[in-house]
Protein backbone atom coordinates (compact mmCIF):
# COMPACT_ATOMS: atom_id res chain seq x y z
CA MET A 1 -16.11 -28.64 -31.66
CA ALA A 2 -16.51 -27.46 -27.69
CA MET A 3 -18.01 -30.22 -25.44
CA ASP A 4 -21.64 -29.63 -25.05
CA ILE A 5 -22.53 -28.66 -21.41
CA PRO A 6 -24.17 -32.00 -20.61
CA GLN A 7 -20.90 -33.62 -20.67
CA LEU A 8 -18.97 -31.31 -19.62
CA VAL A 9 -21.12 -30.72 -16.22
CA ARG A 10 -20.65 -34.53 -15.78
CA GLU A 11 -16.84 -34.39 -16.27
CA ILE A 12 -16.74 -30.99 -13.52
CA ASN A 13 -19.14 -33.46 -11.45
CA GLU A 14 -16.78 -36.75 -11.37
CA SER A 15 -13.94 -34.31 -11.32
CA ARG A 16 -11.69 -34.36 -7.62
CA TRP A 17 -12.50 -30.59 -7.50
CA GLN A 18 -15.16 -29.08 -5.36
CA GLY A 19 -15.91 -25.30 -4.90
CA VAL A 20 -18.47 -22.19 -4.11
CA LEU A 21 -20.26 -20.05 -6.66
CA ALA A 22 -21.34 -16.68 -6.44
CA ILE A 23 -23.61 -15.47 -8.91
CA THR A 24 -25.46 -12.13 -8.72
CA GLY A 25 -28.02 -13.17 -11.20
CA GLY A 26 -27.62 -12.86 -14.50
CA GLY A 27 -26.22 -16.59 -15.43
CA ALA A 28 -28.21 -17.96 -12.13
CA GLY A 29 -29.28 -21.29 -14.12
CA ALA A 30 -25.76 -22.64 -14.37
CA ILE A 31 -26.53 -23.69 -11.02
CA HIS A 32 -29.25 -25.63 -11.89
CA ASP A 33 -27.66 -26.85 -14.76
CA LEU A 34 -25.03 -28.62 -12.68
CA LEU A 35 -27.20 -30.08 -9.98
CA LYS A 36 -30.27 -31.57 -12.74
CA ARG A 37 -28.71 -34.53 -13.46
CA GLY A 38 -27.35 -35.70 -10.66
CA GLY A 39 -24.16 -35.90 -9.22
CA GLY A 40 -23.46 -32.20 -8.68
CA SER A 41 -23.40 -32.80 -4.92
CA ALA A 42 -19.69 -34.48 -5.27
CA MET A 43 -18.61 -30.77 -6.62
CA LEU A 44 -20.45 -28.01 -5.28
CA LEU A 45 -19.82 -26.87 -1.58
CA GLU A 46 -22.38 -23.65 -1.83
CA ALA A 47 -24.20 -21.57 -4.31
CA ILE A 48 -24.72 -18.04 -3.73
CA VAL A 49 -27.01 -15.68 -5.13
CA PRO A 50 -25.81 -11.75 -3.69
CA TYR A 51 -28.42 -10.55 -6.12
CA SER A 52 -28.85 -6.73 -4.27
CA ASN A 53 -26.06 -4.63 -3.47
CA ALA A 54 -26.13 -4.98 0.10
CA SER A 55 -26.13 -9.03 -0.17
CA PHE A 56 -23.03 -8.46 -2.79
CA CYS A 57 -21.24 -5.93 -0.49
CA ASP A 58 -21.98 -8.50 2.70
CA PHE A 59 -20.36 -11.30 0.61
CA ILE A 60 -16.91 -9.72 -0.49
CA LYS A 61 -16.90 -8.09 3.35
CA GLY A 62 -16.52 -4.40 1.43
CA LYS A 63 -17.84 -1.97 -1.68
CA PRO A 64 -16.25 -2.58 -5.22
CA ASP A 65 -15.75 0.60 -7.08
CA LYS A 66 -18.06 -0.80 -10.22
CA PHE A 67 -20.48 -4.04 -9.40
CA VAL A 68 -19.98 -5.24 -12.98
CA SER A 69 -16.08 -5.19 -13.41
CA GLU A 70 -13.24 -7.71 -13.78
CA HIS A 71 -12.39 -6.71 -10.10
CA ALA A 72 -15.40 -7.02 -8.45
CA ALA A 73 -15.89 -10.36 -10.09
CA ARG A 74 -12.32 -11.64 -8.70
CA GLN A 75 -13.35 -10.33 -5.48
CA LEU A 76 -16.49 -12.72 -5.28
CA ALA A 77 -14.51 -15.84 -6.63
CA MET A 78 -11.84 -15.13 -3.78
CA SER A 79 -14.21 -14.94 -1.18
CA ALA A 80 -16.08 -17.93 -2.73
CA TYR A 81 -12.87 -19.88 -3.03
CA LEU A 82 -12.50 -19.20 1.22
CA ARG A 83 -15.35 -20.35 1.97
CA ALA A 84 -15.11 -23.73 0.03
CA LYS A 85 -11.79 -23.82 1.73
CA LYS A 86 -13.71 -23.56 5.01
CA LEU A 87 -16.10 -26.29 3.83
CA GLU A 88 -14.25 -28.87 2.70
CA GLU A 89 -14.30 -31.10 5.18
CA LYS A 90 -10.73 -33.40 4.58
CA GLY A 91 -8.71 -31.10 3.56
CA ASN A 92 -7.57 -32.98 0.67
CA LYS A 93 -9.25 -32.07 -2.30
CA PRO A 94 -8.29 -28.86 -4.34
CA THR A 95 -10.87 -26.21 -4.14
CA PHE A 96 -11.85 -23.24 -6.27
CA GLY A 97 -14.44 -20.31 -5.54
CA ILE A 98 -16.48 -18.53 -8.62
CA GLY A 99 -17.75 -15.03 -9.16
CA ALA A 100 -19.72 -13.78 -11.97
CA THR A 101 -21.60 -10.70 -12.38
CA ALA A 102 -23.23 -9.51 -15.52
CA ALA A 103 -25.16 -6.53 -16.93
CA LEU A 104 -27.79 -8.31 -19.01
CA ALA A 105 -31.07 -7.15 -20.96
CA LYS A 106 -33.62 -5.59 -19.44
CA ASN A 107 -37.31 -6.69 -19.45
CA GLY A 108 -38.60 -2.83 -19.65
CA PRO A 109 -37.34 -0.20 -21.46
CA GLU A 110 -33.54 0.51 -21.37
CA ARG A 111 -30.80 2.39 -23.51
CA LYS A 112 -29.60 0.96 -26.50
CA GLU A 113 -26.32 1.53 -26.23
CA ARG A 114 -26.01 0.04 -22.98
CA GLU A 115 -23.04 -2.79 -23.31
CA HIS A 116 -24.46 -6.49 -22.22
CA LYS A 117 -21.67 -8.67 -20.55
CA VAL A 118 -20.28 -10.58 -18.13
CA CYS A 119 -17.60 -10.79 -15.95
CA ILE A 120 -16.64 -14.38 -14.67
CA ALA A 121 -13.66 -15.08 -12.21
CA TYR A 122 -12.37 -17.89 -10.82
CA GLN A 123 -9.44 -18.66 -8.00
CA THR A 124 -7.83 -21.64 -6.98
CA GLU A 125 -4.51 -22.00 -4.51
CA ALA A 126 -2.69 -21.33 -7.35
CA ARG A 127 -4.41 -19.42 -10.07
CA THR A 128 -6.44 -16.43 -10.22
CA CYS A 129 -8.16 -15.95 -13.46
CA VAL A 130 -10.69 -13.60 -14.74
CA ALA A 131 -12.76 -13.42 -17.79
CA THR A 132 -14.77 -10.42 -19.76
CA PHE A 133 -17.42 -11.33 -22.73
CA LYS A 134 -19.56 -8.58 -24.72
CA LEU A 135 -22.61 -10.75 -24.91
CA PRO A 136 -24.81 -10.52 -28.20
CA HIS A 137 -27.93 -8.93 -27.75
CA LEU A 138 -30.70 -11.80 -27.89
CA GLY A 139 -32.93 -10.53 -25.06
CA ARG A 140 -33.26 -11.23 -21.11
CA THR A 141 -33.80 -14.99 -21.53
CA HIS A 142 -30.93 -15.92 -24.38
CA GLU A 143 -28.63 -14.08 -22.68
CA GLU A 144 -29.75 -15.80 -19.07
CA CYS A 145 -28.74 -18.99 -21.02
CA PHE A 146 -25.79 -17.94 -22.32
CA VAL A 147 -23.71 -16.61 -19.29
CA ALA A 148 -25.28 -19.74 -17.65
CA ASP A 149 -23.52 -21.80 -20.34
CA LEU A 150 -20.28 -19.56 -19.91
CA ILE A 151 -19.98 -20.25 -15.90
CA ILE A 152 -20.45 -23.76 -16.61
CA ARG A 153 -17.52 -23.25 -19.24
CA MET A 154 -15.20 -21.48 -16.66
CA ILE A 155 -15.61 -23.98 -14.27
CA GLY A 156 -14.24 -26.61 -17.05
CA ASP A 157 -11.67 -24.13 -17.54
CA CYS A 158 -10.70 -24.19 -13.33
CA VAL A 159 -10.99 -27.90 -13.01
CA GLY A 160 -9.19 -28.81 -16.16
CA LYS A 161 -12.24 -30.09 -18.33
CA THR A 162 -12.80 -27.42 -20.63
CA GLU A 163 -10.45 -27.06 -24.20
CA ALA A 164 -8.25 -24.96 -24.64
CA ASN A 165 -9.62 -23.11 -27.66
CA TRP A 166 -12.84 -23.57 -26.36
CA ILE A 167 -13.77 -19.72 -26.81
CA LYS A 168 -13.05 -19.64 -30.37
CA GLU A 169 -15.17 -23.09 -30.91
CA LEU A 170 -18.37 -21.41 -29.62
CA GLY A 171 -19.21 -20.45 -32.83
CA TYR A 172 -19.94 -16.49 -31.67
CA THR A 173 -18.19 -13.65 -32.87
CA GLU A 174 -15.16 -13.03 -32.49
CA ASP A 175 -15.40 -10.35 -30.02
CA LEU A 176 -17.48 -11.97 -27.52
CA LEU A 177 -13.96 -12.62 -25.61
CA VAL A 178 -13.26 -9.01 -24.16
CA ASN A 179 -9.91 -9.87 -22.30
CA ARG A 180 -8.82 -12.38 -20.26
CA GLU A 181 -6.16 -12.72 -17.48
CA GLU A 182 -4.62 -15.00 -15.22
CA VAL A 183 -1.86 -15.62 -13.05
CA LYS A 184 -0.30 -18.47 -11.71
CA ALA A 185 1.61 -17.50 -8.26
CA ASN A 186 4.80 -18.74 -7.38
CA ILE A 187 4.94 -20.36 -3.62
CA GLU A 188 5.45 -17.69 -1.86
CA MET A 189 2.59 -15.50 -3.04
CA GLN A 190 0.64 -18.62 -2.12
CA ASP A 191 1.98 -18.87 1.43
CA LEU A 192 1.32 -15.37 2.02
CA VAL A 193 -2.06 -15.02 0.87
CA HIS A 194 -2.68 -18.51 3.18
CA GLY A 195 -0.99 -17.21 6.24
CA LYS A 196 1.54 -19.50 6.21
CA ILE A 197 4.80 -16.87 6.24
CA GLN A 198 4.14 -13.36 6.66
CA PHE A 199 6.93 -11.55 5.07
CA TRP A 200 7.67 -11.32 1.36
CA THR A 201 10.66 -9.61 -0.72
CA PRO A 202 9.70 -10.09 -4.36
CA LYS A 203 13.05 -8.39 -5.45
CA PRO A 204 16.18 -8.16 -2.80
CA LEU A 205 16.24 -4.93 -0.73
CA SER A 206 19.94 -4.46 -1.59
CA HIS A 207 19.52 -0.70 0.31
CA ASP A 208 21.52 -1.43 4.03
CA GLY A 209 20.99 2.39 5.41
CA PRO A 210 18.15 3.53 7.24
CA ARG A 211 15.13 2.45 6.07
CA ILE A 212 11.41 4.40 6.22
CA TYR A 213 8.50 1.99 6.19
CA PHE A 214 5.25 3.12 3.95
CA PRO A 215 2.25 0.92 4.10
CA GLY A 216 -0.60 1.11 2.36
CA SER A 217 -2.79 -0.20 -0.50
CA PHE A 218 -1.53 1.66 -3.16
CA ASN A 219 -4.47 1.16 -5.45
CA PRO A 220 -2.79 2.89 -7.89
CA VAL A 221 0.32 4.69 -6.23
CA HIS A 222 -0.03 8.61 -7.27
CA ASP A 223 2.15 11.85 -6.68
CA GLY A 224 0.46 12.50 -3.26
CA HIS A 225 2.53 9.03 -2.22
CA ARG A 226 5.77 9.91 -3.79
CA GLU A 227 5.82 13.56 -2.95
CA ILE A 228 5.68 11.93 0.92
CA ALA A 229 8.85 9.63 -0.04
CA GLN A 230 10.76 12.51 -0.98
CA ILE A 231 10.36 13.97 2.03
CA ALA A 232 10.91 10.95 4.20
CA GLU A 233 13.68 10.43 2.32
CA GLU A 234 15.11 14.12 2.51
CA HIS A 235 13.85 14.61 5.85
CA TYR A 236 15.87 11.38 7.51
CA THR A 237 18.66 11.10 5.33
CA ALA A 238 19.83 14.98 6.67
CA LYS A 239 19.69 13.24 9.94
CA CYS A 240 22.27 10.18 9.84
CA ALA A 241 25.22 10.60 11.28
CA PRO A 242 27.64 9.56 9.93
CA PRO A 243 25.49 10.36 6.76
CA THR A 244 23.96 7.80 5.33
CA THR A 245 20.87 8.07 2.29
CA ALA A 246 17.90 6.88 3.94
CA LYS A 247 15.06 4.56 1.71
CA VAL A 248 11.74 4.42 1.56
CA ILE A 249 10.41 0.72 1.29
CA TYR A 250 6.79 0.65 0.20
CA GLU A 251 4.42 -2.18 2.08
CA ILE A 252 1.50 -3.94 0.92
CA SER A 253 -0.48 -6.53 3.63
CA VAL A 254 -2.16 -8.75 1.50
CA THR A 255 -4.72 -9.52 4.03
CA ASN A 256 -7.32 -6.66 5.75
CA ALA A 257 -8.76 -7.29 9.06
CA ASP A 258 -11.73 -7.07 7.84
CA LYS A 259 -12.09 -8.24 4.08
CA PRO A 260 -10.70 -11.17 2.04
CA PRO A 261 -7.08 -11.00 0.50
CA LEU A 262 -5.90 -9.89 -2.21
CA ASP A 263 -5.49 -12.07 -5.55
CA TYR A 264 -3.09 -13.01 -7.32
CA ILE A 265 -4.28 -10.71 -10.39
CA GLU A 266 -4.51 -7.57 -7.68
CA ILE A 267 -1.01 -8.52 -5.86
CA THR A 268 0.84 -8.70 -9.47
CA LYS A 269 -0.25 -5.91 -10.56
CA ARG A 270 -0.20 -3.65 -7.53
CA LEU A 271 3.84 -5.31 -7.77
CA LYS A 272 4.53 -4.07 -10.90
CA GLN A 273 4.00 -0.12 -9.85
CA PHE A 274 7.36 -0.24 -7.73
CA ASP A 275 11.15 -0.63 -9.02
CA GLY A 276 12.16 -3.06 -6.25
CA ASN A 277 11.48 -1.17 -3.05
CA VAL A 278 8.69 -3.17 -1.79
CA ILE A 279 7.50 -5.80 0.69
CA LEU A 280 4.26 -7.66 1.15
CA THR A 281 3.18 -8.78 4.45
CA ASN A 282 0.44 -10.41 5.94
CA ALA A 283 -0.22 -7.67 8.45
CA PRO A 284 -3.35 -5.99 8.63
CA LEU A 285 -2.27 -4.17 12.01
CA VAL A 286 0.47 -1.96 12.43
CA ILE A 287 1.57 -3.82 15.44
CA GLN A 288 1.62 -6.40 13.31
CA LYS A 289 3.75 -4.48 10.84
CA ALA A 290 6.33 -3.53 13.52
CA ARG A 291 6.70 -6.78 14.58
CA ILE A 292 7.46 -8.43 11.59
CA ILE A 293 10.01 -5.68 10.39
CA ARG A 294 11.83 -5.92 13.67
CA ASN A 295 12.10 -9.61 13.85
CA VAL A 296 13.16 -10.35 9.76
CA THR A 297 15.26 -7.00 9.51
CA GLY A 298 16.08 -6.10 13.09
CA TRP A 299 15.66 -2.51 11.96
CA CYS A 300 13.18 0.06 15.01
CA PRO A 301 10.81 0.24 12.09
CA THR A 302 9.41 3.91 10.63
CA PHE A 303 6.32 4.10 9.28
CA LEU A 304 4.55 7.18 7.15
CA CYS A 305 1.20 7.72 7.74
CA GLY A 306 -1.71 9.97 6.70
CA ILE A 307 -2.64 12.01 9.89
CA ASP A 308 -6.28 9.92 9.17
CA SER A 309 -4.64 6.67 9.98
CA TRP A 310 -2.80 8.44 12.85
CA THR A 311 -6.22 9.22 14.24
CA ARG A 312 -7.24 5.41 13.89
CA ILE A 313 -4.10 4.22 15.45
CA ILE A 314 -4.69 6.42 19.20
CA ASP A 315 -8.31 5.90 18.79
CA LYS A 316 -9.57 3.34 21.20
CA LYS A 317 -12.91 2.13 19.26
CA TYR A 318 -10.51 -0.25 16.98
CA TYR A 319 -9.18 -1.77 20.36
CA HIS A 320 -12.97 -2.85 21.05
CA ASP A 321 -13.34 0.19 23.17
CA ASP A 322 -10.59 -1.35 25.13
CA PRO A 323 -8.53 1.50 26.66
CA HIS A 324 -5.85 -0.81 28.08
CA GLU A 325 -5.66 -2.97 24.89
CA LEU A 326 -4.58 0.77 23.31
CA THR A 327 -2.05 1.31 25.95
CA ARG A 328 -0.94 -2.43 26.01
CA VAL A 329 -0.21 -1.86 21.87
CA LEU A 330 1.42 1.88 21.95
CA GLN A 331 3.72 0.62 24.26
CA GLU A 332 4.99 -2.69 22.50
CA MET A 333 5.52 -0.07 19.56
CA GLN A 334 7.04 2.05 21.90
CA SER A 335 9.10 -1.10 23.13
CA LEU A 336 9.88 -2.13 19.05
CA GLY A 337 11.30 1.12 18.78
CA THR A 338 8.83 2.40 16.52
CA LYS A 339 8.28 5.68 15.44
CA PHE A 340 5.75 7.76 13.23
CA MET A 341 5.98 10.44 10.67
CA VAL A 342 2.68 11.87 10.58
CA PHE A 343 1.45 14.04 7.34
CA ALA A 344 -1.23 16.42 7.05
CA ARG A 345 -4.13 15.63 4.74
CA GLU A 346 -7.07 17.80 3.33
CA VAL A 347 -10.70 16.76 4.15
CA ASP A 348 -13.47 18.81 2.33
CA GLY A 349 -11.09 21.84 2.08
CA VAL A 350 -9.66 21.53 5.86
CA VAL A 351 -6.04 20.70 6.19
CA HIS A 352 -6.01 18.33 9.79
CA GLU A 353 -2.28 17.98 10.80
CA LEU A 354 -0.47 16.21 14.14
CA THR A 355 -1.46 18.30 17.37
CA GLY A 356 -1.18 17.15 21.06
CA PRO A 357 0.55 14.28 22.72
CA ASP A 358 2.39 12.50 20.53
CA TYR A 359 2.93 9.42 22.54
CA SER A 360 6.74 9.36 22.32
CA LEU A 361 5.77 7.82 18.71
CA ALA A 362 5.00 10.55 16.70
CA GLU A 363 6.77 13.60 15.00
CA LYS A 364 4.91 15.88 12.52
CA ALA A 365 6.07 15.67 9.01
CA PRO A 366 8.49 18.87 8.00
CA LYS A 367 6.51 19.70 4.88
CA ILE A 368 3.05 19.64 4.01
CA PRO A 369 2.29 17.39 0.39
CA LYS A 370 1.11 19.72 -2.13
CA ASN A 371 -0.46 16.77 -3.50
CA MET A 372 -2.14 15.82 -0.40
CA GLY A 373 -4.87 15.71 -2.07
CA CYS A 374 -4.60 12.94 -4.12
CA SER A 375 -6.40 9.68 -3.99
CA SER A 376 -6.24 6.58 -5.37
CA THR A 377 -10.28 6.31 -5.34
CA LYS A 378 -10.53 9.17 -7.75
CA LEU A 379 -7.60 7.76 -9.84
CA ARG A 380 -9.44 4.64 -9.98
CA GLN A 381 -13.14 6.24 -10.67
CA ALA A 382 -11.23 8.53 -13.54
CA ALA A 383 -10.31 5.29 -15.40
CA GLY A 384 -13.70 3.38 -15.22
CA VAL A 385 -11.82 0.42 -13.37
């Protein structure tokens, strides 16, 4: 039989682990259950209930595509983990972050077909794990208790105190667990996310000719990205003397200037889209990318970007409204031999493309992509993720 909740809570609180919980409302009773018997202060650093959408977005520094989803739970868990790292004073205890977001029964009228579920994730230094549970329709009060128990059992799973077969032993329907996914990161991925290294090639870059770098989130890769890469490769290959094939290398930064880093599941998912022609960096800003690529590879970096990205690169508001800082960054990029190929983009039916001064850094792409209207956001929405 699965360990009962009081015993599991004692074992969690007596472990060396410390963590932060972010629970969006459903199952918030887990916080009370972890504390009501005493000893919880040894484990729980902080608990937050980002109940409103505004609070949720503020905590993860962004807006999820869906508030009740595995991705949203992972974003909560990563933000909670970073908070735990900050609050763990001595720096010698393992830390975790828990994120939970649920759609439970309502006290008032609701659609009968509405799915009741909870997505629970945890993030540690080396692991990202997420699970989705389909809830039996028990009514609001019982579902709250049920989800609170699931959250505590996931914490136990995180700190190694829950039995491996605990889900089957709960005695509920076989389809209780909809999905469970876990990635144990290698040391390079861990170091990149924690800022210990800035550059990692998951697979060796065997191409010895000119490399063009295509920065982006690629969530997911679409036909517009592929067409841009093809246009760039053809253009730069034709310019090479002696003839040499140019190759586009995709670049993904695991960090964002304003958001938590990507978790290990997300990194793994995005890497699977590429066949070795990708690098990961810890460089959210283009000037950081330019420095890293020049220092690591010795090549003067050429970047592919859309007109919207180029507009941000040369807009002083992204440099604290300091025109001198903008000038300094542009001059440094020029000293690094940085170049940009800027592609047109359609916005609300209007084509926007490079015009005016190019700062000796940018050139207009030789073709307007036929698939420039493609959108990763729209693809995610269509897929319902």
